[in-house]
């Protein structure tokens, strides 16, 4: 979804978005029940935990070796050689749109698209390029998905930049 502004090679060499600090577990991608069940059959060692009403995320607790909040654990679907092993159908929407997010500033407030300013490749781009991509239709897709999958809507954080 972001191929107009991100190169696969940039993502493959970085993989920042595929590992999570304990303090950033709210960022782990969400899976619907059907996808989770398919992945449990295909990857029997993968563990999930419920999040929200009908969503699940990967359980990374076994990936942490210390109690340090900055320690990172990789997504169980990240292969150190191949990158993400999920097919396009299996990949969560959160991953497809990252570093963009559907966010809300207050409970019951308007949902809008924001940029997480932690992606090194996107940070090298003019913000106007991200805005153009969002306004060219991607923003509508994100907001539409968020309206039918409310668990993916994140709370506003100061490190976000409002895009649409």
N, C-alpha and C. Protein backbone atom coordinates (compact mmCIF):
# COMPACT_ATOMS: atom_id res chain seq x y z
N UNK A 1 0.82 -1.20 0.00
CA UNK A 1 0.00 0.00 0.00
C UNK A 1 0.86 1.26 0.00
N UNK A 2 2.09 1.12 0.45
CA UNK A 2 2.99 2.28 0.52
C UNK A 2 4.08 2.21 -0.53
N UNK A 3 3.92 1.34 -1.53
CA UNK A 3 4.98 1.13 -2.52
C UNK A 3 5.30 2.39 -3.33
N UNK A 4 4.41 3.36 -3.35
CA UNK A 4 4.69 4.61 -4.07
C UNK A 4 5.75 5.45 -3.36
N UNK A 5 5.92 5.22 -2.06
CA UNK A 5 6.91 6.03 -1.33
C UNK A 5 7.99 5.19 -0.64
N UNK A 6 7.75 3.89 -0.48
CA UNK A 6 8.73 3.02 0.18
C UNK A 6 9.20 1.93 -0.78
N UNK A 7 10.49 1.67 -0.78
CA UNK A 7 11.05 0.58 -1.57
C UNK A 7 11.11 -0.67 -0.70
N UNK A 8 10.83 -1.81 -1.31
CA UNK A 8 10.92 -3.07 -0.56
C UNK A 8 12.31 -3.25 0.02
N UNK A 9 13.32 -2.81 -0.71
CA UNK A 9 14.70 -2.97 -0.22
C UNK A 9 14.94 -2.16 1.05
N UNK A 10 14.32 -0.97 1.14
CA UNK A 10 14.46 -0.17 2.37
C UNK A 10 13.87 -0.93 3.56
N UNK A 11 12.69 -1.47 3.36
CA UNK A 11 12.02 -2.20 4.44
C UNK A 11 12.78 -3.48 4.80
N UNK A 12 13.25 -4.20 3.78
CA UNK A 12 13.94 -5.46 4.01
C UNK A 12 15.24 -5.27 4.78
N UNK A 13 15.92 -4.17 4.53
CA UNK A 13 17.20 -3.95 5.21
C UNK A 13 17.02 -3.38 6.62
N UNK A 14 15.88 -2.81 6.90
CA UNK A 14 15.66 -2.15 8.19
C UNK A 14 14.93 -3.05 9.20
N UNK A 15 13.71 -3.40 8.89
CA UNK A 15 12.85 -4.26 9.72
C UNK A 15 12.53 -3.68 11.10
N UNK A 16 12.70 -2.39 11.25
CA UNK A 16 12.41 -1.72 12.53
C UNK A 16 10.98 -1.99 12.98
N UNK A 17 10.06 -1.98 12.02
CA UNK A 17 8.64 -2.13 12.36
C UNK A 17 8.26 -3.55 12.75
N UNK A 18 9.21 -4.49 12.68
CA UNK A 18 8.92 -5.89 12.97
C UNK A 18 9.44 -6.35 14.32
N UNK A 19 9.93 -5.43 15.13
CA UNK A 19 10.35 -5.78 16.49
C UNK A 19 9.76 -4.76 17.45
N UNK A 20 9.52 -5.21 18.66
CA UNK A 20 8.74 -4.40 19.59
C UNK A 20 9.37 -4.38 20.98
N UNK A 21 9.54 -3.18 21.49
CA UNK A 21 9.96 -3.02 22.89
C UNK A 21 8.76 -3.29 23.77
N UNK A 22 9.01 -3.67 24.99
CA UNK A 22 7.89 -3.90 25.93
C UNK A 22 6.99 -2.67 26.02
N UNK A 23 7.61 -1.51 26.04
CA UNK A 23 6.84 -0.27 26.16
C UNK A 23 6.07 0.07 24.89
N UNK A 24 6.29 -0.68 23.81
CA UNK A 24 5.62 -0.40 22.54
C UNK A 24 4.69 -1.53 22.11
N UNK A 25 4.29 -2.36 23.03
CA UNK A 25 3.44 -3.49 22.65
C UNK A 25 2.08 -3.06 22.09
N UNK A 26 1.67 -1.83 22.40
CA UNK A 26 0.42 -1.32 21.82
C UNK A 26 0.54 -1.21 20.30
N UNK A 27 1.76 -1.24 19.78
CA UNK A 27 2.01 -1.12 18.34
C UNK A 27 1.93 -2.46 17.61
N UNK A 28 1.88 -3.58 18.32
CA UNK A 28 1.88 -4.87 17.62
C UNK A 28 0.64 -4.97 16.74
N UNK A 29 0.80 -5.54 15.55
CA UNK A 29 -0.31 -5.59 14.59
C UNK A 29 -1.43 -6.51 15.04
N UNK A 30 -2.62 -6.20 14.57
CA UNK A 30 -3.81 -6.97 14.94
C UNK A 30 -4.24 -7.89 13.80
N UNK A 31 -4.71 -9.07 14.18
CA UNK A 31 -5.21 -10.07 13.25
C UNK A 31 -6.68 -10.33 13.57
N UNK A 32 -7.48 -10.59 12.53
CA UNK A 32 -8.85 -11.01 12.79
C UNK A 32 -8.84 -12.50 13.16
N UNK A 33 -9.93 -12.97 13.67
CA UNK A 33 -10.01 -14.35 14.18
C UNK A 33 -9.69 -15.38 13.08
N UNK A 34 -10.25 -15.18 11.90
CA UNK A 34 -10.05 -16.13 10.80
C UNK A 34 -8.57 -16.24 10.42
N UNK A 35 -7.91 -15.10 10.29
CA UNK A 35 -6.49 -15.11 9.95
C UNK A 35 -5.67 -15.74 11.06
N UNK A 36 -5.98 -15.41 12.29
CA UNK A 36 -5.27 -15.99 13.44
C UNK A 36 -5.37 -17.51 13.41
N UNK A 37 -6.56 -18.03 13.16
CA UNK A 37 -6.76 -19.48 13.16
C UNK A 37 -5.99 -20.15 12.02
N UNK A 38 -5.95 -19.51 10.85
CA UNK A 38 -5.15 -20.04 9.74
C UNK A 38 -3.67 -20.06 10.08
N UNK A 39 -3.20 -18.96 10.69
CA UNK A 39 -1.79 -18.86 11.03
C UNK A 39 -1.39 -19.85 12.13
N UNK A 40 -2.29 -20.12 13.06
CA UNK A 40 -2.00 -21.10 14.11
C UNK A 40 -1.79 -22.49 13.51
N UNK A 41 -2.51 -22.80 12.44
CA UNK A 41 -2.33 -24.09 11.77
C UNK A 41 -1.03 -24.11 10.97
N UNK A 42 -0.76 -23.03 10.29
CA UNK A 42 0.42 -22.94 9.43
C UNK A 42 1.72 -22.79 10.23
N UNK A 43 1.64 -22.07 11.35
CA UNK A 43 2.81 -21.80 12.21
C UNK A 43 2.47 -22.22 13.64
N UNK A 44 2.54 -23.51 13.95
CA UNK A 44 2.08 -24.00 15.26
C UNK A 44 2.80 -23.39 16.46
N UNK A 45 3.98 -22.84 16.28
CA UNK A 45 4.70 -22.24 17.41
C UNK A 45 4.28 -20.79 17.68
N UNK A 46 3.56 -20.19 16.75
CA UNK A 46 3.12 -18.80 16.94
C UNK A 46 2.05 -18.75 18.03
N UNK A 47 2.15 -17.76 18.89
CA UNK A 47 1.18 -17.57 19.97
C UNK A 47 0.51 -16.22 19.80
N UNK A 48 -0.77 -16.18 20.15
CA UNK A 48 -1.57 -14.97 20.02
C UNK A 48 -2.22 -14.66 21.36
N UNK A 49 -2.61 -13.41 21.52
CA UNK A 49 -3.39 -13.01 22.68
C UNK A 49 -4.51 -12.09 22.19
N UNK A 50 -5.66 -12.13 22.87
CA UNK A 50 -6.78 -11.28 22.44
C UNK A 50 -6.51 -9.80 22.72
N UNK A 51 -7.03 -8.97 21.84
CA UNK A 51 -6.95 -7.51 21.99
C UNK A 51 -8.29 -6.96 21.51
N UNK A 52 -8.99 -6.29 22.36
CA UNK A 52 -10.27 -5.74 21.94
C UNK A 52 -11.32 -6.82 21.77
N UNK A 53 -12.32 -6.48 20.97
CA UNK A 53 -13.49 -7.32 20.83
C UNK A 53 -13.26 -8.56 19.96
N UNK A 54 -12.76 -8.36 18.75
CA UNK A 54 -12.60 -9.47 17.81
C UNK A 54 -11.22 -9.53 17.19
N UNK A 55 -10.22 -9.03 17.88
CA UNK A 55 -8.87 -8.97 17.32
C UNK A 55 -7.88 -9.70 18.21
N UNK A 56 -6.77 -10.05 17.58
CA UNK A 56 -5.70 -10.75 18.28
C UNK A 56 -4.38 -10.16 17.82
N UNK A 57 -3.38 -10.28 18.68
CA UNK A 57 -2.03 -9.88 18.30
C UNK A 57 -1.07 -10.98 18.71
N UNK A 58 0.13 -10.91 18.20
CA UNK A 58 1.13 -11.92 18.54
C UNK A 58 1.52 -11.75 20.01
N UNK A 59 1.71 -12.87 20.67
CA UNK A 59 2.17 -12.86 22.06
C UNK A 59 3.69 -12.96 22.02
N UNK A 60 4.35 -11.87 22.33
CA UNK A 60 5.81 -11.79 22.25
C UNK A 60 6.50 -12.10 23.57
N UNK A 61 5.75 -12.46 24.60
CA UNK A 61 6.32 -12.60 25.94
C UNK A 61 7.51 -13.57 25.98
N UNK A 62 7.48 -14.63 25.20
CA UNK A 62 8.59 -15.59 25.20
C UNK A 62 9.83 -15.03 24.50
N UNK A 63 9.66 -13.96 23.74
CA UNK A 63 10.78 -13.38 23.02
C UNK A 63 11.66 -12.46 23.84
N UNK A 64 11.18 -12.08 25.02
CA UNK A 64 11.97 -11.20 25.89
C UNK A 64 12.80 -12.04 26.84
N UNK A 65 14.05 -11.67 26.98
CA UNK A 65 14.98 -12.44 27.83
C UNK A 65 15.30 -11.72 29.14
N UNK A 66 14.96 -10.42 29.23
CA UNK A 66 15.23 -9.64 30.45
C UNK A 66 13.96 -8.89 30.84
N UNK A 67 14.04 -8.08 31.87
CA UNK A 67 12.92 -7.24 32.28
C UNK A 67 13.09 -5.80 31.80
N UNK A 68 14.08 -5.54 30.98
CA UNK A 68 14.36 -4.18 30.51
C UNK A 68 13.25 -3.69 29.57
N UNK A 69 12.72 -2.48 29.79
CA UNK A 69 11.64 -1.97 28.94
C UNK A 69 12.07 -1.70 27.50
N UNK A 70 13.38 -1.49 27.27
CA UNK A 70 13.86 -1.21 25.92
C UNK A 70 14.27 -2.46 25.14
N UNK A 71 14.22 -3.61 25.79
CA UNK A 71 14.56 -4.84 25.07
C UNK A 71 13.53 -5.07 23.96
N UNK A 72 13.98 -5.56 22.82
CA UNK A 72 13.08 -5.79 21.70
C UNK A 72 12.88 -7.28 21.46
N UNK A 73 11.68 -7.63 21.03
CA UNK A 73 11.37 -8.99 20.60
C UNK A 73 10.82 -8.89 19.18
N UNK A 74 11.29 -9.77 18.33
CA UNK A 74 10.87 -9.75 16.92
C UNK A 74 9.53 -10.45 16.75
N UNK A 75 8.81 -10.01 15.75
CA UNK A 75 7.57 -10.67 15.35
C UNK A 75 7.91 -12.13 15.00
N UNK A 76 7.07 -13.08 15.39
CA UNK A 76 7.37 -14.48 15.09
C UNK A 76 7.32 -14.79 13.59
N UNK A 77 6.78 -13.88 12.80
CA UNK A 77 6.69 -14.09 11.36
C UNK A 77 7.83 -13.40 10.60
N UNK A 78 8.81 -12.91 11.34
CA UNK A 78 9.99 -12.30 10.74
C UNK A 78 11.12 -13.32 10.70
N UNK A 79 11.53 -13.67 9.50
CA UNK A 79 12.66 -14.58 9.31
C UNK A 79 13.90 -13.72 9.07
N UNK A 80 14.98 -14.03 9.76
CA UNK A 80 16.18 -13.19 9.67
C UNK A 80 16.78 -13.18 8.27
N UNK A 81 16.52 -14.19 7.48
CA UNK A 81 17.04 -14.25 6.10
C UNK A 81 16.02 -13.74 5.08
N UNK A 82 14.78 -14.18 5.21
CA UNK A 82 13.75 -13.91 4.19
C UNK A 82 12.90 -12.68 4.46
N UNK A 83 12.92 -12.17 5.67
CA UNK A 83 12.02 -11.08 6.04
C UNK A 83 10.69 -11.66 6.48
N UNK A 84 9.61 -10.94 6.22
CA UNK A 84 8.28 -11.40 6.63
C UNK A 84 7.87 -12.62 5.83
N UNK A 85 7.42 -13.66 6.52
CA UNK A 85 7.03 -14.90 5.86
C UNK A 85 5.53 -14.98 5.59
N UNK A 86 4.80 -13.93 5.92
CA UNK A 86 3.36 -13.92 5.68
C UNK A 86 3.06 -13.54 4.24
N UNK A 87 2.03 -14.16 3.68
CA UNK A 87 1.58 -13.80 2.34
C UNK A 87 0.82 -12.47 2.42
N UNK A 88 0.51 -11.91 1.28
CA UNK A 88 -0.23 -10.64 1.24
C UNK A 88 -1.58 -10.78 1.94
N UNK A 89 -2.24 -11.92 1.79
CA UNK A 89 -3.54 -12.13 2.44
C UNK A 89 -3.42 -12.28 3.95
N UNK A 90 -2.31 -12.84 4.40
CA UNK A 90 -2.12 -13.08 5.83
C UNK A 90 -1.60 -11.86 6.58
N UNK A 91 -0.94 -10.98 5.86
CA UNK A 91 -0.31 -9.82 6.51
C UNK A 91 -1.39 -8.91 7.10
N UNK A 92 -1.24 -8.51 8.35
CA UNK A 92 -2.24 -7.64 8.98
C UNK A 92 -2.29 -6.26 8.32
N UNK A 93 -3.46 -5.66 8.36
CA UNK A 93 -3.64 -4.32 7.80
C UNK A 93 -2.67 -3.34 8.45
N UNK A 94 -2.46 -3.47 9.76
CA UNK A 94 -1.51 -2.59 10.47
C UNK A 94 -0.14 -2.61 9.79
N UNK A 95 0.31 -3.79 9.38
CA UNK A 95 1.62 -3.91 8.73
C UNK A 95 1.60 -3.32 7.32
N UNK A 96 0.49 -3.50 6.64
CA UNK A 96 0.38 -2.99 5.27
C UNK A 96 0.45 -1.47 5.21
N UNK A 97 0.00 -0.80 6.26
CA UNK A 97 -0.05 0.67 6.22
C UNK A 97 1.02 1.34 7.07
N UNK A 98 1.79 0.58 7.86
CA UNK A 98 2.78 1.19 8.75
C UNK A 98 3.83 1.93 7.93
N UNK A 99 4.19 3.12 8.30
CA UNK A 99 4.06 3.83 9.56
C UNK A 99 2.83 4.73 9.67
N UNK A 100 1.83 4.50 8.84
CA UNK A 100 0.58 5.24 9.00
C UNK A 100 -0.30 4.51 10.00
N UNK A 101 -1.18 5.25 10.64
CA UNK A 101 -2.08 4.70 11.65
C UNK A 101 -3.43 5.40 11.57
N UNK A 102 -4.48 4.66 11.90
CA UNK A 102 -5.78 5.27 12.16
C UNK A 102 -5.77 5.62 13.64
N UNK A 103 -5.99 6.89 13.95
CA UNK A 103 -5.90 7.34 15.34
C UNK A 103 -7.10 8.19 15.73
N UNK A 104 -7.25 8.33 17.05
CA UNK A 104 -8.31 9.15 17.63
C UNK A 104 -7.71 9.93 18.79
N UNK A 105 -8.01 11.23 18.85
CA UNK A 105 -7.44 12.06 19.93
C UNK A 105 -8.19 11.92 21.24
N UNK A 106 -9.46 11.55 21.18
CA UNK A 106 -10.23 11.38 22.42
C UNK A 106 -11.30 10.30 22.20
N UNK A 107 -11.77 9.72 23.28
CA UNK A 107 -12.79 8.68 23.19
C UNK A 107 -14.00 9.22 22.45
N UNK A 108 -14.43 8.49 21.44
CA UNK A 108 -15.58 8.92 20.66
C UNK A 108 -15.27 10.02 19.66
N UNK A 109 -14.02 10.47 19.62
CA UNK A 109 -13.62 11.53 18.71
C UNK A 109 -13.45 11.04 17.28
N UNK A 110 -13.24 11.98 16.40
CA UNK A 110 -13.06 11.70 14.98
C UNK A 110 -11.80 10.85 14.76
N UNK A 111 -11.91 9.89 13.85
CA UNK A 111 -10.76 9.07 13.47
C UNK A 111 -10.09 9.74 12.29
N UNK A 112 -8.76 9.78 12.32
CA UNK A 112 -8.02 10.36 11.20
C UNK A 112 -6.74 9.58 11.00
N UNK A 113 -6.03 9.89 9.92
CA UNK A 113 -4.79 9.20 9.59
C UNK A 113 -3.62 10.00 10.13
N UNK A 114 -2.71 9.30 10.80
CA UNK A 114 -1.51 9.94 11.35
C UNK A 114 -0.29 9.13 10.93
N UNK A 115 0.84 9.79 10.99
CA UNK A 115 2.12 9.17 10.67
C UNK A 115 2.91 8.95 11.95
N UNK A 116 3.39 7.71 12.14
CA UNK A 116 4.30 7.41 13.23
C UNK A 116 5.68 7.83 12.73
N UNK A 117 6.31 8.75 13.42
CA UNK A 117 7.57 9.33 12.92
C UNK A 117 8.80 8.49 13.28
N UNK A 118 8.68 7.19 13.27
CA UNK A 118 9.80 6.34 13.64
C UNK A 118 10.35 5.50 12.49
N UNK A 119 9.76 5.59 11.32
CA UNK A 119 10.23 4.83 10.16
C UNK A 119 11.40 5.58 9.52
N UNK A 120 12.61 5.01 9.54
CA UNK A 120 13.76 5.72 8.98
C UNK A 120 13.60 6.09 7.51
N UNK A 121 13.03 5.20 6.69
CA UNK A 121 12.89 5.48 5.26
C UNK A 121 11.89 6.60 5.01
N UNK A 122 10.77 6.59 5.70
CA UNK A 122 9.77 7.64 5.52
C UNK A 122 10.28 8.97 6.07
N UNK A 123 11.06 8.91 7.13
CA UNK A 123 11.61 10.15 7.70
C UNK A 123 12.53 10.88 6.74
N UNK A 124 13.08 10.18 5.75
CA UNK A 124 13.94 10.82 4.76
C UNK A 124 13.15 11.53 3.67
N UNK A 125 11.85 11.29 3.62
CA UNK A 125 10.99 11.88 2.58
C UNK A 125 10.40 13.21 3.05
N UNK A 126 10.09 14.08 2.09
CA UNK A 126 9.33 15.27 2.47
C UNK A 126 7.94 14.84 2.97
N UNK A 127 7.47 15.47 4.03
CA UNK A 127 6.16 15.14 4.60
C UNK A 127 5.06 15.28 3.54
N UNK A 128 5.25 16.19 2.60
CA UNK A 128 4.25 16.41 1.55
C UNK A 128 4.03 15.16 0.70
N UNK A 129 5.06 14.33 0.53
CA UNK A 129 4.89 13.08 -0.24
C UNK A 129 3.97 12.12 0.49
N UNK A 130 4.10 12.05 1.79
CA UNK A 130 3.23 11.19 2.59
C UNK A 130 1.80 11.72 2.52
N UNK A 131 1.65 13.03 2.65
CA UNK A 131 0.32 13.64 2.57
C UNK A 131 -0.33 13.36 1.22
N UNK A 132 0.43 13.48 0.14
CA UNK A 132 -0.11 13.22 -1.20
C UNK A 132 -0.59 11.78 -1.33
N UNK A 133 0.20 10.84 -0.83
CA UNK A 133 -0.20 9.43 -0.89
C UNK A 133 -1.50 9.20 -0.13
N UNK A 134 -1.59 9.75 1.05
CA UNK A 134 -2.79 9.58 1.87
C UNK A 134 -4.00 10.20 1.17
N UNK A 135 -3.82 11.38 0.62
CA UNK A 135 -4.93 12.08 -0.03
C UNK A 135 -5.32 11.46 -1.37
N UNK A 136 -4.43 10.66 -1.96
CA UNK A 136 -4.71 10.05 -3.26
C UNK A 136 -5.58 8.80 -3.16
N UNK A 137 -6.07 8.48 -1.98
CA UNK A 137 -6.97 7.34 -1.82
C UNK A 137 -6.62 6.42 -0.67
N UNK A 138 -5.36 6.39 -0.28
CA UNK A 138 -4.97 5.50 0.81
C UNK A 138 -5.64 5.90 2.12
N UNK A 139 -5.77 7.19 2.35
CA UNK A 139 -6.42 7.66 3.58
C UNK A 139 -7.85 7.15 3.68
N UNK A 140 -8.57 7.19 2.57
CA UNK A 140 -9.94 6.68 2.55
C UNK A 140 -10.00 5.20 2.86
N UNK A 141 -9.05 4.44 2.32
CA UNK A 141 -9.00 2.99 2.59
C UNK A 141 -8.73 2.73 4.07
N UNK A 142 -7.82 3.50 4.64
CA UNK A 142 -7.48 3.33 6.05
C UNK A 142 -8.69 3.65 6.93
N UNK A 143 -9.35 4.76 6.65
CA UNK A 143 -10.50 5.16 7.46
C UNK A 143 -11.67 4.19 7.29
N UNK A 144 -11.86 3.68 6.08
CA UNK A 144 -12.93 2.71 5.84
C UNK A 144 -12.65 1.42 6.62
N UNK A 145 -11.42 0.95 6.57
CA UNK A 145 -11.06 -0.26 7.30
C UNK A 145 -11.23 -0.03 8.80
N UNK A 146 -10.81 1.12 9.27
CA UNK A 146 -10.91 1.43 10.71
C UNK A 146 -12.36 1.47 11.17
N UNK A 147 -13.26 1.93 10.31
CA UNK A 147 -14.67 1.99 10.72
C UNK A 147 -15.27 0.60 10.87
N UNK A 148 -14.79 -0.37 10.10
CA UNK A 148 -15.31 -1.73 10.23
C UNK A 148 -14.44 -2.61 11.13
N UNK A 149 -13.27 -2.12 11.52
CA UNK A 149 -12.36 -2.85 12.43
C UNK A 149 -11.87 -1.87 13.50
N UNK A 150 -12.74 -1.45 14.40
CA UNK A 150 -12.39 -0.38 15.35
C UNK A 150 -11.23 -0.70 16.28
N UNK A 151 -10.89 -1.97 16.44
CA UNK A 151 -9.77 -2.31 17.33
C UNK A 151 -8.44 -1.78 16.81
N UNK A 152 -8.34 -1.51 15.50
CA UNK A 152 -7.05 -1.02 14.98
C UNK A 152 -6.82 0.46 15.25
N UNK A 153 -7.85 1.17 15.68
CA UNK A 153 -7.71 2.60 15.95
C UNK A 153 -6.87 2.79 17.21
N UNK A 154 -5.78 3.54 17.05
CA UNK A 154 -4.86 3.79 18.16
C UNK A 154 -5.19 5.13 18.81
N UNK A 155 -4.80 5.27 20.05
CA UNK A 155 -4.92 6.56 20.74
C UNK A 155 -3.84 7.49 20.22
N UNK A 156 -4.17 8.76 20.11
CA UNK A 156 -3.23 9.79 19.67
C UNK A 156 -2.03 9.83 20.61
N UNK A 157 -0.86 10.00 20.04
CA UNK A 157 0.37 10.16 20.81
C UNK A 157 1.13 11.34 20.23
N UNK A 158 1.88 11.99 21.08
CA UNK A 158 2.62 13.18 20.67
C UNK A 158 3.62 12.91 19.55
N UNK A 159 4.09 11.68 19.44
CA UNK A 159 5.07 11.39 18.39
C UNK A 159 4.43 11.22 17.01
N UNK A 160 3.11 11.31 16.93
CA UNK A 160 2.42 11.21 15.64
C UNK A 160 2.37 12.57 14.95
N UNK A 161 2.22 12.52 13.63
CA UNK A 161 1.97 13.72 12.84
C UNK A 161 0.64 13.51 12.12
N UNK A 162 -0.27 14.43 12.27
CA UNK A 162 -1.57 14.31 11.62
C UNK A 162 -1.40 14.48 10.11
N UNK A 163 -1.92 13.51 9.34
CA UNK A 163 -1.79 13.54 7.89
C UNK A 163 -3.11 13.92 7.24
N UNK A 164 -4.20 13.30 7.68
CA UNK A 164 -5.52 13.58 7.10
C UNK A 164 -6.58 13.46 8.16
